[in-house]
Amino acid sequence: MDQRKISTPLAIQTFISALAEEFQEEHLTPAMEFRSLDAWSSMQALLLIARVNEDFEVVLSEDDLRNCKTIEDLFQCVQNYQS
């Protein structure tokens, strides 16, 4: 998969698309709490960390995940690492 950089106005949608693919969910929004998704599990957390690393070249920590509540929080965390 192509390395994606989060830098354009549509970047949140790019990020959401990657998560939707990973979670096999069609309708994700920035305000959704990712832990409330049916697919969420400790294994899914590891897969999410790997996916973000692969797609956006950012390594999220367990603390990063713990401190994020919504998909937008995750997006902001990734963006902060890329700045």
N, C-alpha and C. Protein backbone atom coordinates (compact mmCIF):
# COMPACT_ATOMS: atom_id res chain seq x y z
N MET A 1 0.84 -1.17 0.00
CA MET A 1 0.00 0.00 0.00
C MET A 1 0.89 1.24 0.00
N ASP A 2 0.44 2.30 -0.65
CA ASP A 2 1.18 3.54 -0.72
C ASP A 2 1.29 4.17 0.67
N GLN A 3 2.43 4.80 0.91
CA GLN A 3 2.58 5.56 2.14
C GLN A 3 1.74 6.82 2.02
N ARG A 4 0.92 7.09 2.99
CA ARG A 4 0.03 8.25 2.95
C ARG A 4 0.49 9.27 3.98
N LYS A 5 0.54 10.50 3.57
CA LYS A 5 0.87 11.58 4.49
C LYS A 5 -0.41 12.35 4.79
N ILE A 6 -0.61 12.67 6.05
CA ILE A 6 -1.79 13.41 6.44
C ILE A 6 -1.44 14.89 6.38
N SER A 7 -1.88 15.58 5.32
CA SER A 7 -1.54 16.98 5.20
C SER A 7 -2.56 17.79 4.41
N THR A 8 -3.53 17.17 3.81
CA THR A 8 -4.51 17.89 3.00
C THR A 8 -5.83 18.00 3.75
N PRO A 9 -6.72 18.90 3.30
CA PRO A 9 -8.02 19.03 3.94
C PRO A 9 -8.82 17.72 3.94
N LEU A 10 -8.60 16.87 2.97
CA LEU A 10 -9.32 15.60 2.91
C LEU A 10 -8.61 14.51 3.71
N ALA A 11 -7.57 14.87 4.41
CA ALA A 11 -6.76 13.88 5.11
C ALA A 11 -7.55 13.09 6.14
N ILE A 12 -8.46 13.72 6.84
CA ILE A 12 -9.24 12.98 7.83
C ILE A 12 -10.02 11.87 7.14
N GLN A 13 -10.50 12.14 5.93
CA GLN A 13 -11.24 11.12 5.19
C GLN A 13 -10.31 9.98 4.76
N THR A 14 -9.09 10.31 4.40
CA THR A 14 -8.10 9.28 4.07
C THR A 14 -7.84 8.40 5.28
N PHE A 15 -7.69 9.03 6.43
CA PHE A 15 -7.46 8.30 7.67
C PHE A 15 -8.65 7.41 8.01
N ILE A 16 -9.84 7.97 7.91
CA ILE A 16 -11.06 7.20 8.20
C ILE A 16 -11.20 6.03 7.24
N SER A 17 -10.86 6.23 5.98
CA SER A 17 -10.94 5.14 4.99
C SER A 17 -10.02 3.99 5.38
N ALA A 18 -8.82 4.31 5.84
CA ALA A 18 -7.89 3.27 6.27
C ALA A 18 -8.44 2.52 7.48
N LEU A 19 -9.03 3.25 8.43
CA LEU A 19 -9.61 2.59 9.60
C LEU A 19 -10.83 1.76 9.23
N ALA A 20 -11.65 2.29 8.34
CA ALA A 20 -12.84 1.55 7.91
C ALA A 20 -12.44 0.22 7.28
N GLU A 21 -11.39 0.25 6.50
CA GLU A 21 -10.89 -0.99 5.89
C GLU A 21 -10.37 -1.94 6.96
N GLU A 22 -9.62 -1.41 7.91
CA GLU A 22 -9.05 -2.24 8.97
C GLU A 22 -10.14 -2.84 9.86
N PHE A 23 -11.15 -2.04 10.21
CA PHE A 23 -12.22 -2.51 11.09
C PHE A 23 -13.34 -3.21 10.33
N GLN A 24 -13.27 -3.20 9.01
CA GLN A 24 -14.32 -3.75 8.15
C GLN A 24 -15.66 -3.12 8.50
N GLU A 25 -15.64 -1.79 8.60
CA GLU A 25 -16.83 -0.99 8.90
C GLU A 25 -17.02 -0.01 7.75
N GLU A 26 -18.26 0.20 7.35
CA GLU A 26 -18.52 1.11 6.24
C GLU A 26 -18.74 2.54 6.65
N HIS A 27 -19.30 2.77 7.81
CA HIS A 27 -19.73 4.12 8.17
C HIS A 27 -19.05 4.59 9.45
N LEU A 28 -17.83 5.06 9.31
CA LEU A 28 -17.12 5.63 10.44
C LEU A 28 -17.15 7.15 10.32
N THR A 29 -17.18 7.81 11.47
CA THR A 29 -17.14 9.27 11.50
C THR A 29 -16.05 9.70 12.47
N PRO A 30 -15.57 10.93 12.34
CA PRO A 30 -14.53 11.40 13.26
C PRO A 30 -14.94 11.34 14.73
N ALA A 31 -16.22 11.54 15.02
CA ALA A 31 -16.68 11.58 16.41
C ALA A 31 -16.91 10.20 17.03
N MET A 32 -16.83 9.15 16.24
CA MET A 32 -17.07 7.80 16.77
C MET A 32 -15.99 7.38 17.75
N GLU A 33 -16.42 6.73 18.82
CA GLU A 33 -15.48 6.15 19.77
C GLU A 33 -15.06 4.78 19.24
N PHE A 34 -13.81 4.67 18.84
CA PHE A 34 -13.35 3.45 18.16
C PHE A 34 -13.44 2.21 19.03
N ARG A 35 -13.34 2.37 20.34
CA ARG A 35 -13.45 1.20 21.23
C ARG A 35 -14.86 0.63 21.28
N SER A 36 -15.85 1.40 20.84
CA SER A 36 -17.24 0.92 20.86
C SER A 36 -17.59 0.11 19.61
N LEU A 37 -16.67 0.03 18.65
CA LEU A 37 -16.92 -0.75 17.44
C LEU A 37 -16.97 -2.24 17.78
N ASP A 38 -17.83 -2.96 17.11
CA ASP A 38 -17.96 -4.40 17.34
C ASP A 38 -16.64 -5.14 17.16
N ALA A 39 -15.83 -4.66 16.22
CA ALA A 39 -14.57 -5.35 15.91
C ALA A 39 -13.46 -5.04 16.91
N TRP A 40 -13.68 -4.12 17.85
CA TRP A 40 -12.60 -3.71 18.75
C TRP A 40 -12.22 -4.82 19.72
N SER A 41 -10.93 -5.05 19.83
CA SER A 41 -10.37 -6.03 20.76
C SER A 41 -8.90 -5.67 20.97
N SER A 42 -8.25 -6.35 21.87
CA SER A 42 -6.83 -6.09 22.08
C SER A 42 -6.04 -6.45 20.82
N MET A 43 -6.47 -7.48 20.12
CA MET A 43 -5.81 -7.85 18.86
C MET A 43 -6.02 -6.75 17.83
N GLN A 44 -7.22 -6.20 17.78
CA GLN A 44 -7.51 -5.12 16.83
C GLN A 44 -6.67 -3.89 17.15
N ALA A 45 -6.40 -3.65 18.42
CA ALA A 45 -5.54 -2.53 18.81
C ALA A 45 -4.15 -2.70 18.20
N LEU A 46 -3.61 -3.90 18.28
CA LEU A 46 -2.29 -4.17 17.69
C LEU A 46 -2.33 -4.02 16.18
N LEU A 47 -3.40 -4.50 15.56
CA LEU A 47 -3.53 -4.36 14.11
C LEU A 47 -3.66 -2.89 13.71
N LEU A 48 -4.35 -2.11 14.52
CA LEU A 48 -4.48 -0.68 14.25
C LEU A 48 -3.11 0.00 14.32
N ILE A 49 -2.33 -0.31 15.35
CA ILE A 49 -0.99 0.25 15.48
C ILE A 49 -0.15 -0.09 14.25
N ALA A 50 -0.23 -1.34 13.81
CA ALA A 50 0.53 -1.77 12.62
C ALA A 50 0.04 -1.06 11.37
N ARG A 51 -1.26 -0.90 11.23
CA ARG A 51 -1.83 -0.25 10.04
C ARG A 51 -1.42 1.22 9.96
N VAL A 52 -1.49 1.92 11.08
CA VAL A 52 -1.08 3.32 11.11
C VAL A 52 0.40 3.44 10.78
N ASN A 53 1.21 2.53 11.30
CA ASN A 53 2.63 2.53 10.99
C ASN A 53 2.86 2.31 9.50
N GLU A 54 2.17 1.34 8.93
CA GLU A 54 2.33 1.01 7.51
C GLU A 54 1.86 2.14 6.60
N ASP A 55 0.68 2.66 6.87
CA ASP A 55 0.08 3.66 5.98
C ASP A 55 0.59 5.08 6.20
N PHE A 56 0.91 5.43 7.45
CA PHE A 56 1.20 6.83 7.77
C PHE A 56 2.58 7.04 8.39
N GLU A 57 3.37 5.96 8.50
CA GLU A 57 4.73 6.02 9.04
C GLU A 57 4.77 6.63 10.44
N VAL A 58 3.81 6.25 11.27
CA VAL A 58 3.74 6.71 12.65
C VAL A 58 3.56 5.47 13.53
N VAL A 59 4.34 5.40 14.59
CA VAL A 59 4.21 4.29 15.54
C VAL A 59 3.47 4.80 16.77
N LEU A 60 2.23 4.38 16.90
CA LEU A 60 1.43 4.74 18.07
C LEU A 60 1.81 3.84 19.24
N SER A 61 1.82 4.41 20.42
CA SER A 61 2.10 3.63 21.62
C SER A 61 0.79 3.20 22.28
N GLU A 62 0.92 2.32 23.25
CA GLU A 62 -0.27 1.92 24.03
C GLU A 62 -0.87 3.14 24.72
N ASP A 63 -0.01 4.03 25.21
CA ASP A 63 -0.50 5.25 25.86
C ASP A 63 -1.25 6.13 24.88
N ASP A 64 -0.77 6.21 23.64
CA ASP A 64 -1.48 6.99 22.63
C ASP A 64 -2.90 6.46 22.47
N LEU A 65 -3.03 5.15 22.33
CA LEU A 65 -4.36 4.56 22.18
C LEU A 65 -5.21 4.79 23.42
N ARG A 66 -4.60 4.65 24.57
CA ARG A 66 -5.33 4.82 25.82
C ARG A 66 -5.84 6.26 25.97
N ASN A 67 -5.06 7.23 25.49
CA ASN A 67 -5.41 8.64 25.62
C ASN A 67 -6.39 9.12 24.56
N CYS A 68 -6.60 8.33 23.53
CA CYS A 68 -7.54 8.70 22.46
C CYS A 68 -8.89 8.04 22.72
N LYS A 69 -9.93 8.80 22.45
CA LYS A 69 -11.27 8.28 22.65
C LYS A 69 -11.99 8.10 21.32
N THR A 70 -11.84 9.07 20.44
CA THR A 70 -12.55 9.05 19.16
C THR A 70 -11.58 8.84 17.99
N ILE A 71 -12.15 8.60 16.84
CA ILE A 71 -11.34 8.47 15.63
C ILE A 71 -10.61 9.78 15.35
N GLU A 72 -11.27 10.90 15.61
CA GLU A 72 -10.62 12.20 15.42
C GLU A 72 -9.44 12.37 16.37
N ASP A 73 -9.56 11.87 17.60
CA ASP A 73 -8.43 11.92 18.53
C ASP A 73 -7.24 11.15 17.96
N LEU A 74 -7.51 9.97 17.41
CA LEU A 74 -6.44 9.18 16.79
C LEU A 74 -5.81 9.95 15.63
N PHE A 75 -6.65 10.55 14.80
CA PHE A 75 -6.18 11.34 13.67
C PHE A 75 -5.26 12.46 14.15
N GLN A 76 -5.69 13.18 15.19
CA GLN A 76 -4.88 14.28 15.72
C GLN A 76 -3.55 13.77 16.27
N CYS A 77 -3.58 12.64 16.92
CA CYS A 77 -2.36 12.04 17.45
C CYS A 77 -1.38 11.72 16.32
N VAL A 78 -1.88 11.10 15.27
CA VAL A 78 -1.03 10.78 14.11
C VAL A 78 -0.50 12.07 13.49
N GLN A 79 -1.36 13.06 13.35
CA GLN A 79 -0.94 14.34 12.77
C GLN A 79 0.15 14.98 13.61
N ASN A 80 0.02 14.91 14.93
CA ASN A 80 1.04 15.49 15.82
C ASN A 80 2.39 14.83 15.61
N TYR A 81 2.42 13.53 15.43
CA TYR A 81 3.68 12.83 15.18
C TYR A 81 4.27 13.21 13.83
N GLN A 82 3.44 13.53 12.87
CA GLN A 82 3.93 13.86 11.54
C GLN A 82 4.41 15.31 11.43
N SER A 83 4.08 16.15 12.41
CA SER A 83 4.48 17.56 12.35
C SER A 83 5.93 17.73 12.71
